[in-house]
PDB file of N, CA and C in Angstrom:
ATOM      1  N   MET A   1      73.895  91.502 104.619  1.00  0.00           N
ATOM      2  CA  MET A   1      75.123  91.497 105.407  1.00  0.00           C
ATOM      3  C   MET A   1      75.823  90.150 105.258  1.00  0.00           C
ATOM      4  N   LEU A   2      77.116  90.196 104.952  1.00  0.00           N
ATOM      5  CA  LEU A   2      77.895  88.977 104.782  1.00  0.00           C
ATOM      6  C   LEU A   2      78.285  88.394 106.140  1.00  0.00           C
ATOM      7  N   ALA A   3      78.289  87.073 106.213  1.00  0.00           N
ATOM      8  CA  ALA A   3      78.639  86.402 107.460  1.00  0.00           C
ATOM      9  C   ALA A   3      80.149  86.411 107.705  1.00  0.00           C
ATOM     10  N   CYS A   4      80.945  86.460 106.644  1.00  0.00           N
ATOM     11  CA  CYS A   4      82.406  86.450 106.775  1.00  0.00           C
ATOM     12  C   CYS A   4      82.946  87.863 106.890  1.00  0.00           C
ATOM     13  N   PRO A   5      83.655  88.159 107.976  1.00  0.00           N
ATOM     14  CA  PRO A   5      84.208  89.507 108.135  1.00  0.00           C
ATOM     15  C   PRO A   5      85.174  89.888 107.024  1.00  0.00           C
ATOM     16  N   TRP A   6      85.998  88.941 106.561  1.00  0.00           N
ATOM     17  CA  TRP A   6      86.968  89.262 105.510  1.00  0.00           C
ATOM     18  C   TRP A   6      86.274  89.584 104.202  1.00  0.00           C
ATOM     19  N   ALA A   7      85.156  88.935 103.924  1.00  0.00           N
ATOM     20  CA  ALA A   7      84.408  89.223 102.698  1.00  0.00           C
ATOM     21  C   ALA A   7      83.804  90.618 102.756  1.00  0.00           C
ATOM     22  N   ALA A   8      83.357  91.001 103.926  1.00  0.00           N
ATOM     23  CA  ALA A   8      82.800  92.343 104.093  1.00  0.00           C
ATOM     24  C   ALA A   8      83.899  93.393 103.943  1.00  0.00           C
ATOM     25  N   ARG A   9      85.079  93.113 104.517  1.00  0.00           N
ATOM     26  CA  ARG A   9      86.194  94.055 104.389  1.00  0.00           C
ATOM     27  C   ARG A   9      86.652  94.176 102.944  1.00  0.00           C
ATOM     28  N   ALA A  10      86.567  93.075 102.196  1.00  0.00           N
ATOM     29  CA  ALA A  10      86.952  93.089 100.780  1.00  0.00           C
ATOM     30  C   ALA A  10      85.853  93.687  99.910  1.00  0.00           C
ATOM     31  N   ARG A  11      84.729  94.048 100.554  1.00  0.00           N
ATOM     32  CA  ARG A  11      83.580  94.645  99.874  1.00  0.00           C
ATOM     33  C   ARG A  11      83.009  93.750  98.777  1.00  0.00           C
ATOM     34  N   LEU A  12      82.961  92.454  99.075  1.00  0.00           N
ATOM     35  CA  LEU A  12      82.348  91.508  98.140  1.00  0.00           C
ATOM     36  C   LEU A  12      80.832  91.583  98.267  1.00  0.00           C
ATOM     37  N   THR A  13      80.150  91.438  97.156  1.00  0.00           N
ATOM     38  CA  THR A  13      78.699  91.329  97.202  1.00  0.00           C
ATOM     39  C   THR A  13      78.347  89.895  97.599  1.00  0.00           C
ATOM     40  N   GLU A  14      77.099  89.667  97.925  1.00  0.00           N
ATOM     41  CA  GLU A  14      76.650  88.301  98.252  1.00  0.00           C
ATOM     42  C   GLU A  14      76.925  87.366  97.072  1.00  0.00           C
ATOM     43  N   ALA A  15      76.670  87.846  95.855  1.00  0.00           N
ATOM     44  CA  ALA A  15      76.886  87.027  94.654  1.00  0.00           C
ATOM     45  C   ALA A  15      78.377  86.710  94.469  1.00  0.00           C
ATOM     46  N   GLN A  16      79.230  87.698  94.663  1.00  0.00           N
ATOM     47  CA  GLN A  16      80.674  87.484  94.514  1.00  0.00           C
ATOM     48  C   GLN A  16      81.180  86.513  95.579  1.00  0.00           C
ATOM     49  N   HIS A  17      80.686  86.664  96.795  1.00  0.00           N
ATOM     50  CA  HIS A  17      81.085  85.775  97.882  1.00  0.00           C
ATOM     51  C   HIS A  17      80.670  84.339  97.567  1.00  0.00           C
ATOM     52  N   GLY A  18      79.445  84.159  97.086  1.00  0.00           N
ATOM     53  CA  GLY A  18      78.970  82.831  96.719  1.00  0.00           C
ATOM     54  C   GLY A  18      79.793  82.222  95.596  1.00  0.00           C
ATOM     55  N   GLU A  19      80.157  83.044  94.620  1.00  0.00           N
ATOM     56  CA  GLU A  19      80.981  82.575  93.497  1.00  0.00           C
ATOM     57  C   GLU A  19      82.366  82.150  93.978  1.00  0.00           C
ATOM     58  N   LEU A  20      82.946  82.942  94.869  1.00  0.00           N
ATOM     59  CA  LEU A  20      84.258  82.606  95.425  1.00  0.00           C
ATOM     60  C   LEU A  20      84.203  81.282  96.183  1.00  0.00           C
ATOM     61  N   LEU A  21      83.175  81.106  96.983  1.00  0.00           N
ATOM     62  CA  LEU A  21      83.033  79.852  97.729  1.00  0.00           C
ATOM     63  C   LEU A  21      82.843  78.660  96.785  1.00  0.00           C
ATOM     64  N   ALA A  22      82.147  78.865  95.678  1.00  0.00           N
ATOM     65  CA  ALA A  22      81.959  77.788  94.702  1.00  0.00           C
ATOM     66  C   ALA A  22      83.287  77.394  94.055  1.00  0.00           C
ATOM     67  N   VAL A  23      84.112  78.385  93.733  1.00  0.00           N
ATOM     68  CA  VAL A  23      85.430  78.105  93.146  1.00  0.00           C
ATOM     69  C   VAL A  23      86.312  77.355  94.145  1.00  0.00           C
ATOM     70  N   ILE A  24      86.289  77.785  95.402  1.00  0.00           N
ATOM     71  CA  ILE A  24      87.081  77.116  96.441  1.00  0.00           C
ATOM     72  C   ILE A  24      86.615  75.676  96.618  1.00  0.00           C
ATOM     73  N   ALA A  25      85.308  75.456  96.613  1.00  0.00           N
ATOM     74  CA  ALA A  25      84.761  74.100  96.766  1.00  0.00           C
ATOM     75  C   ALA A  25      85.159  73.213  95.592  1.00  0.00           C
ATOM     76  N   MET A  26      85.142  73.764  94.372  1.00  0.00           N
ATOM     77  CA  MET A  26      85.524  72.983  93.199  1.00  0.00           C
ATOM     78  C   MET A  26      87.009  72.615  93.257  1.00  0.00           C
ATOM     79  N   ALA A  27      87.854  73.535  93.717  1.00  0.00           N
ATOM     80  CA  ALA A  27      89.278  73.245  93.859  1.00  0.00           C
ATOM     81  C   ALA A  27      89.500  72.138  94.888  1.00  0.00           C
ATOM     82  N   ALA A  28      88.743  72.170  95.970  1.00  0.00           N
ATOM     83  CA  ALA A  28      88.860  71.137  97.000  1.00  0.00           C
ATOM     84  C   ALA A  28      88.450  69.773  96.448  1.00  0.00           C
ATOM     85  N   GLN A  29      87.394  69.745  95.654  1.00  0.00           N
ATOM     86  CA  GLN A  29      86.953  68.486  95.039  1.00  0.00           C
ATOM     87  C   GLN A  29      88.005  67.952  94.075  1.00  0.00           C
ATOM     88  N   THR A  30      88.591  68.852  93.284  1.00  0.00           N
ATOM     89  CA  THR A  30      89.632  68.451  92.340  1.00  0.00           C
ATOM     90  C   THR A  30      90.831  67.869  93.083  1.00  0.00           C
ATOM     91  N   ASN A  31      91.243  68.527  94.158  1.00  0.00           N
ATOM     92  CA  ASN A  31      92.368  68.034  94.949  1.00  0.00           C
ATOM     93  C   ASN A  31      92.052  66.677  95.577  1.00  0.00           C
ATOM     94  N   ALA A  32      90.826  66.497  96.032  1.00  0.00           N
ATOM     95  CA  ALA A  32      90.431  65.219  96.628  1.00  0.00           C
ATOM     96  C   ALA A  32      90.477  64.103  95.587  1.00  0.00           C
ATOM     97  N   LEU A  33      90.011  64.388  94.369  1.00  0.00           N
ATOM     98  CA  LEU A  33      90.069  63.392  93.294  1.00  0.00           C
ATOM     99  C   LEU A  33      91.507  63.050  92.932  1.00  0.00           C
ATOM    100  N   LYS A  34      92.349  64.079  92.837  1.00  0.00           N
ATOM    101  CA  LYS A  34      93.756  63.867  92.503  1.00  0.00           C
ATOM    102  C   LYS A  34      94.410  62.972  93.550  1.00  0.00           C
ATOM    103  N   THR A  35      94.117  63.236  94.816  1.00  0.00           N
ATOM    104  CA  THR A  35      94.690  62.448  95.899  1.00  0.00           C
ATOM    105  C   THR A  35      94.173  61.014  95.868  1.00  0.00           C
ATOM    106  N   ALA A  36      92.876  60.852  95.671  1.00  0.00           N
ATOM    107  CA  ALA A  36      92.271  59.520  95.664  1.00  0.00           C
ATOM    108  C   ALA A  36      92.776  58.680  94.493  1.00  0.00           C
ATOM    109  N   LEU A  37      92.956  59.308  93.341  1.00  0.00           N
ATOM    110  CA  LEU A  37      93.399  58.584  92.143  1.00  0.00           C
ATOM    111  C   LEU A  37      94.917  58.508  92.032  1.00  0.00           C
ATOM    112  N   GLN A  38      95.625  59.176  92.928  1.00  0.00           N
ATOM    113  CA  GLN A  38      97.084  59.202  92.952  1.00  0.00           C
ATOM    114  C   GLN A  38      97.667  59.601  91.596  1.00  0.00           C
ATOM    115  N   VAL A  39      97.158  60.692  91.057  1.00  0.00           N
ATOM    116  CA  VAL A  39      97.623  61.199  89.775  1.00  0.00           C
ATOM    117  C   VAL A  39      98.983  61.872  89.982  1.00  0.00           C
ATOM    118  N   PRO A  40     100.002  61.488  89.190  1.00  0.00           N
ATOM    119  CA  PRO A  40     101.316  62.127  89.355  1.00  0.00           C
ATOM    120  C   PRO A  40     101.308  63.565  88.832  1.00  0.00           C
ATOM    121  N   VAL A  41     102.176  64.378  89.398  1.00  0.00           N
ATOM    122  CA  VAL A  41     102.301  65.768  88.963  1.00  0.00           C
ATOM    123  C   VAL A  41     103.019  65.791  87.621  1.00  0.00           C
ATOM    124  N   ASP A  42     102.502  66.551  86.676  1.00  0.00           N
ATOM    125  CA  ASP A  42     103.112  66.687  85.365  1.00  0.00           C
ATOM    126  C   ASP A  42     104.500  67.297  85.513  1.00  0.00           C
ATOM    127  N   MET A  43     105.450  66.852  84.693  1.00  0.00           N
ATOM    128  CA  MET A  43     106.826  67.341  84.771  1.00  0.00           C
ATOM    129  C   MET A  43     106.919  68.859  84.612  1.00  0.00           C
ATOM    130  N   ALA A  44     106.022  69.454  83.841  1.00  0.00           N
ATOM    131  CA  ALA A  44     106.050  70.903  83.624  1.00  0.00           C
ATOM    132  C   ALA A  44     105.783  71.681  84.912  1.00  0.00           C
ATOM    133  N   PHE A  45     105.153  71.039  85.900  1.00  0.00           N
ATOM    134  CA  PHE A  45     104.804  71.721  87.137  1.00  0.00           C
ATOM    135  C   PHE A  45     105.663  71.303  88.323  1.00  0.00           C
ATOM    136  N   ARG A  46     106.594  70.397  88.101  1.00  0.00           N
ATOM    137  CA  ARG A  46     107.482  69.968  89.187  1.00  0.00           C
ATOM    138  C   ARG A  46     108.577  70.989  89.425  1.00  0.00           C
ATOM    139  N   LYS A  47     108.945  71.152  90.675  1.00  0.00           N
ATOM    140  CA  LYS A  47     110.023  72.064  91.022  1.00  0.00           C
ATOM    141  C   LYS A  47     111.353  71.380  90.736  1.00  0.00           C
ATOM    142  N   VAL A  48     112.284  72.134  90.201  1.00  0.00           N
ATOM    143  CA  VAL A  48     113.611  71.617  89.903  1.00  0.00           C
ATOM    144  C   VAL A  48     114.558  72.059  91.015  1.00  0.00           C
ATOM    145  N   GLY A  49     115.380  71.172  91.494  1.00  0.00           N
ATOM    146  CA  GLY A  49     116.364  71.520  92.513  1.00  0.00           C
ATOM    147  C   GLY A  49     115.850  71.428  93.932  1.00  0.00           C
ATOM    148  N   GLY A  50     114.602  71.049  94.134  1.00  0.00           N
ATOM    149  CA  GLY A  50     114.062  70.842  95.476  1.00  0.00           C
ATOM    150  C   GLY A  50     113.789  72.102  96.268  1.00  0.00           C
ATOM    151  N   HIS A  51     113.695  73.256  95.614  1.00  0.00           N
ATOM    152  CA  HIS A  51     113.413  74.517  96.326  1.00  0.00           C
ATOM    153  C   HIS A  51     111.959  74.842  96.245  1.00  0.00           C
TER     154      HIS A  51
END
């Protein structure tokens, strides 16, 4: 039984849930490194026109 209600509703297996949490954790680590190192956003990913 999954501890997260949304994971159970999405019918994720324990393995899929663990994999999803690992991906989320890696994204959080990447964002923390980017913030700590103050890496500028590449021009290809910047929004044009401020929208």
